[in-house]
Protein backbone atom coordinates (compact mmCIF):
# COMPACT_ATOMS: atom_id res chain seq x y z
CA MET A 1 77.26 100.66 95.44
CA THR A 2 77.12 103.36 92.37
CA LEU A 3 78.25 106.77 92.34
CA ASP A 4 74.97 108.11 92.38
CA ASP A 5 75.02 106.40 96.34
CA ALA A 6 77.82 107.02 97.34
CA LEU A 7 77.45 110.82 96.49
CA ALA A 8 73.90 110.65 98.16
CA GLU A 9 75.78 108.90 101.49
CA LEU A 10 78.09 112.31 101.10
CA MET A 11 75.59 115.46 100.10
CA ALA A 12 74.39 113.70 103.55
CA GLY A 13 77.17 114.93 105.56
CA ALA A 14 76.93 118.25 104.12
CA GLU A 15 76.59 121.23 106.43
CA PRO A 16 74.99 124.85 105.65
CA GLY A 17 77.17 127.33 105.19
CA ARG A 18 80.54 125.56 105.54
CA ALA A 19 80.84 124.98 101.68
CA GLY A 20 81.80 128.73 100.83
CA ALA A 21 84.47 128.80 104.11
CA MET A 22 86.33 126.06 102.73
CA ALA A 23 86.81 126.50 99.36
CA ALA A 24 87.78 129.51 100.30
CA TYR A 25 90.42 128.03 102.70
CA HIS A 26 91.55 125.25 100.25
CA LYS A 27 91.09 127.38 96.85
CA GLN A 28 89.51 124.74 95.34
CA SER A 29 87.59 126.53 91.94
CA ARG A 30 86.13 122.98 91.99
CA ARG A 31 82.75 121.69 93.69
CA VAL A 32 83.20 121.70 97.59
CA LEU A 33 80.05 120.23 99.69
CA GLY A 34 81.01 121.89 102.76
CA ILE A 35 81.54 118.25 104.39
CA PRO A 36 83.83 118.11 108.11
CA ASN A 37 86.55 115.65 107.61
CA PRO A 38 84.98 113.40 110.82
CA PHE A 39 81.88 112.68 108.85
CA LEU A 40 84.04 111.92 105.78
CA ASN A 41 86.91 109.58 107.69
CA ASP A 42 83.46 107.32 109.08
CA LEU A 43 81.89 107.34 105.75
CA ALA A 44 85.25 105.89 104.30
CA LYS A 45 85.29 103.66 107.04
CA GLY A 46 81.98 102.22 106.40
CA TRP A 47 83.20 101.78 102.39
CA ARG A 48 85.98 99.93 103.71
CA GLN A 49 84.11 97.11 105.60
CA ARG A 50 81.74 96.76 103.02
CA LEU A 51 83.40 96.86 99.72
CA ALA A 52 85.67 94.06 98.49
CA VAL A 53 88.67 95.20 97.20
CA GLN A 54 87.67 95.82 93.28
CA GLU A 55 84.60 97.12 94.34
CA ARG A 56 86.72 100.25 96.39
CA VAL A 57 88.86 100.69 93.64
CA ALA A 58 85.65 100.83 90.91
CA LEU A 59 84.03 102.55 93.58
CA ALA A 60 87.16 105.61 94.00
CA ASP A 61 87.52 106.08 90.63
CA ALA A 62 84.25 106.68 89.76
CA LEU A 63 84.40 109.57 92.87
CA TRP A 64 88.00 110.92 91.86
CA GLN A 65 86.24 110.88 88.45
CA SER A 66 83.65 113.46 90.14
CA ASP A 67 86.14 116.31 90.55
CA ILE A 68 83.85 116.81 94.17
CA PHE A 69 86.17 118.14 96.55
CA GLU A 70 85.37 116.13 99.27
CA ALA A 71 84.62 112.79 97.13
CA ARG A 72 88.31 112.81 95.79
CA LEU A 73 88.78 113.09 99.45
CA ALA A 74 86.03 110.18 100.15
CA ALA A 75 88.41 108.03 97.13
CA ALA A 76 91.86 108.49 98.77
CA LYS A 77 90.10 107.68 102.69
CA LEU A 78 89.01 104.47 100.83
CA LEU A 79 92.08 103.31 99.33
CA THR A 80 93.32 104.12 103.09
CA GLN A 81 94.35 100.41 104.29
CA ALA A 82 97.60 98.82 106.14
CA ARG A 83 97.21 95.53 104.13
CA ILE A 84 95.14 95.14 100.82
CA PRO A 85 95.67 91.95 99.39
CA ASP A 86 95.93 91.92 95.39
CA ASP A 87 96.70 95.57 95.55
CA THR A 88 98.53 96.37 92.30
CA ALA A 89 95.19 98.20 90.90
CA VAL A 90 95.01 100.07 94.18
CA TRP A 91 98.79 101.03 94.06
CA GLY A 92 97.69 102.13 90.18
CA LEU A 93 94.91 103.91 90.24
CA ILE A 94 97.12 106.18 93.25
CA ALA A 95 99.43 106.55 91.19
CA SER A 96 98.17 107.67 88.45
CA TRP A 97 96.40 110.97 90.05
CA VAL A 98 99.47 112.27 91.21
CA PRO A 99 99.43 114.50 87.48
CA GLU A 100 96.32 115.40 88.63
CA PHE A 101 97.43 117.08 91.69
CA ASP A 102 96.13 120.25 92.43
CA SER A 103 95.93 121.21 96.16
CA TRP A 104 97.45 120.09 99.50
CA ALA A 105 94.42 118.15 100.85
CA ILE A 106 93.54 116.21 98.52
CA ALA A 107 97.49 115.76 97.72
CA ASP A 108 98.01 114.55 101.13
CA HIS A 109 94.95 112.09 101.11
CA ALA A 110 96.26 110.39 98.21
CA CYS A 111 99.45 110.60 99.47
CA ASN A 112 98.67 108.49 102.64
CA ALA A 113 96.73 106.21 100.83
CA GLY A 114 99.75 105.62 98.55
CA ALA A 115 102.44 105.80 100.93
CA ARG A 116 100.73 102.87 102.54
CA ARG A 117 101.18 100.87 99.38
CA LEU A 118 104.65 102.02 98.84
CA ALA A 119 105.55 100.49 102.66
CA ALA A 120 104.02 97.31 101.78
CA ASP A 121 106.13 96.47 98.20
CA PRO A 122 108.83 98.82 98.29
CA ARG A 123 109.93 98.09 95.03
CA ARG A 124 106.80 100.77 93.62
CA ILE A 125 109.72 103.22 95.07
CA ASP A 126 111.42 103.10 91.44
CA THR A 127 107.78 104.10 89.80
CA VAL A 128 108.42 107.27 92.44
CA GLU A 129 111.90 108.41 91.80
CA PRO A 130 111.34 109.99 88.12
CA TRP A 131 108.61 112.70 89.65
CA ILE A 132 111.20 114.09 91.42
CA ARG A 133 111.75 115.46 87.71
CA SER A 134 108.49 116.72 87.17
CA ALA A 135 107.49 119.93 85.90
CA HIS A 136 104.14 119.60 88.23
CA MET A 137 105.13 120.94 91.39
CA TRP A 138 102.43 118.45 92.79
CA THR A 139 104.14 116.21 91.41
CA ARG A 140 107.91 116.73 92.70
CA ARG A 141 106.26 116.96 96.36
CA ALA A 142 104.41 114.05 96.06
CA ALA A 143 107.76 112.00 95.79
CA LEU A 144 108.27 113.23 99.45
CA VAL A 145 105.07 113.14 101.04
CA ILE A 146 104.47 109.48 100.06
CA THR A 147 107.36 108.57 101.01
CA LEU A 148 107.47 109.84 105.18
CA PRO A 149 107.03 106.34 106.38
CA TRP A 150 111.19 105.94 106.04
CA THR A 151 111.66 108.64 108.34
CA LYS A 152 109.92 106.96 110.98
CA GLN A 153 111.36 103.68 111.58
CA ASN A 154 113.26 103.43 114.91
CA HIS A 155 115.30 100.19 113.99
CA PRO A 156 115.48 100.18 109.85
CA GLY A 157 116.67 97.04 108.58
CA ALA A 158 119.56 97.90 105.30
CA GLY A 159 116.66 97.80 102.48
CA ASP A 160 114.62 100.50 104.43
CA LEU A 161 118.15 102.42 105.09
CA ALA A 162 119.01 102.34 101.30
CA ILE A 163 115.31 104.34 100.46
CA ARG A 164 116.22 106.26 103.40
CA ASP A 165 119.14 108.18 101.61
CA ARG A 166 117.55 107.23 98.50
CA VAL A 167 114.76 109.97 99.13
CA LEU A 168 117.41 112.26 100.83
CA GLY A 169 118.79 112.31 98.14
CA TRP A 170 116.13 113.03 96.27
CA ALA A 171 115.23 116.10 98.75
CA ALA A 172 119.83 117.44 98.08
CA THR A 173 118.10 117.47 93.86
CA LEU A 174 115.03 119.60 95.12
CA ALA A 175 116.93 121.88 97.97
CA ASP A 176 117.49 124.24 95.06
CA ASP A 177 113.69 124.54 94.12
CA ARG A 178 112.50 127.79 95.15
CA ASN A 179 108.33 126.58 95.29
CA ARG A 180 107.16 127.01 98.94
CA PHE A 181 105.85 123.68 98.91
CA ILE A 182 108.69 122.08 97.63
CA GLN A 183 110.71 123.56 100.58
CA LYS A 184 108.16 123.36 103.20
CA ALA A 185 107.82 119.42 102.41
CA ILE A 186 111.64 119.02 102.77
CA GLY A 187 111.58 120.80 106.17
CA TRP A 188 108.36 118.28 106.51
CA TRP A 189 110.74 114.54 105.56
CA LEU A 190 113.50 116.09 107.79
CA ARG A 191 111.80 117.02 110.87
CA ASP A 192 109.89 113.52 111.08
CA LEU A 193 113.53 112.17 110.10
CA SER A 194 114.60 113.98 113.19
CA ARG A 195 113.06 112.31 115.84
CA HIS A 196 114.24 108.61 115.18
CA ASP A 197 117.75 109.39 112.82
CA PRO A 198 118.89 113.05 114.13
CA ASP A 199 122.49 112.26 112.74
CA ARG A 200 121.55 112.07 108.60
CA THR A 201 119.33 114.83 109.20
CA ARG A 202 122.33 116.93 110.96
CA ALA A 203 124.87 115.28 108.23
CA PHE A 204 121.88 116.60 105.06
CA LEU A 205 121.87 120.02 106.90
CA ALA A 206 125.31 120.28 107.18
CA ARG A 207 126.02 119.82 103.50
CA HIS A 208 122.50 121.24 102.63
CA GLY A 209 120.88 123.26 104.22
CA ALA A 210 122.42 126.53 103.40
CA ARG A 211 120.79 125.86 100.04
CA LEU A 212 117.30 125.79 101.22
CA LYS A 213 114.90 128.79 102.49
CA PRO A 214 115.52 129.58 106.18
CA PHE A 215 112.06 128.50 107.05
CA ALA A 216 112.33 124.95 105.92
CA ALA A 217 116.04 125.01 106.98
CA ARG A 218 114.28 126.03 110.47
CA GLU A 219 111.66 123.35 110.09
CA ALA A 220 113.94 120.88 109.79
CA ALA A 221 116.05 121.39 112.48
CA ARG A 222 113.31 122.37 115.03
CA HIS A 223 113.41 118.32 116.99
CA LEU A 224 117.87 118.62 117.02
CA ASP A 225 119.53 119.61 120.21
């Protein structure tokens, strides 16, 4: 499938009058087509079913480089899959996008795809750790968003617990970061963790909660007794 073919399929889902509102909501200066998310989901699912992994990687790369808002979302959705054989190129492409993140919607879709590749090979956590020291806020935030799977395990093994503690260490490092998106990501990570590991969440808040902005601390503690 060529990029032109994919863009034609994308544009078929554009709704008149929707693009302006979407651009304003997502604070986009790039081109926005006005395509609802369910259409993007169905389109990407069809592409995943029709294309081999190498073809998906090539198309995702081209969609991303088009710099159209929905094309970047579709690129991420195209690579969002739990099991992908020989996923090295998929992980490499997703990781290459991180320095270009500039909005939460694009970042979260890409991190959703990346989280599955990280879960497939947890050794990739070593690639993620330097992100917390990046001058690029969206890269720092991505380190937390892409590791959300480690908040959700009810019975993690020793290796998963080690990663959970490692990311909590990153959250502690970032606790003094005043950027609202970073604070929201810390609160989000801890809130999700509290459903499955309330003791670790309480311990983190007892030690570092006062360093968080109040709204982030409240979010982190939302599900604690």
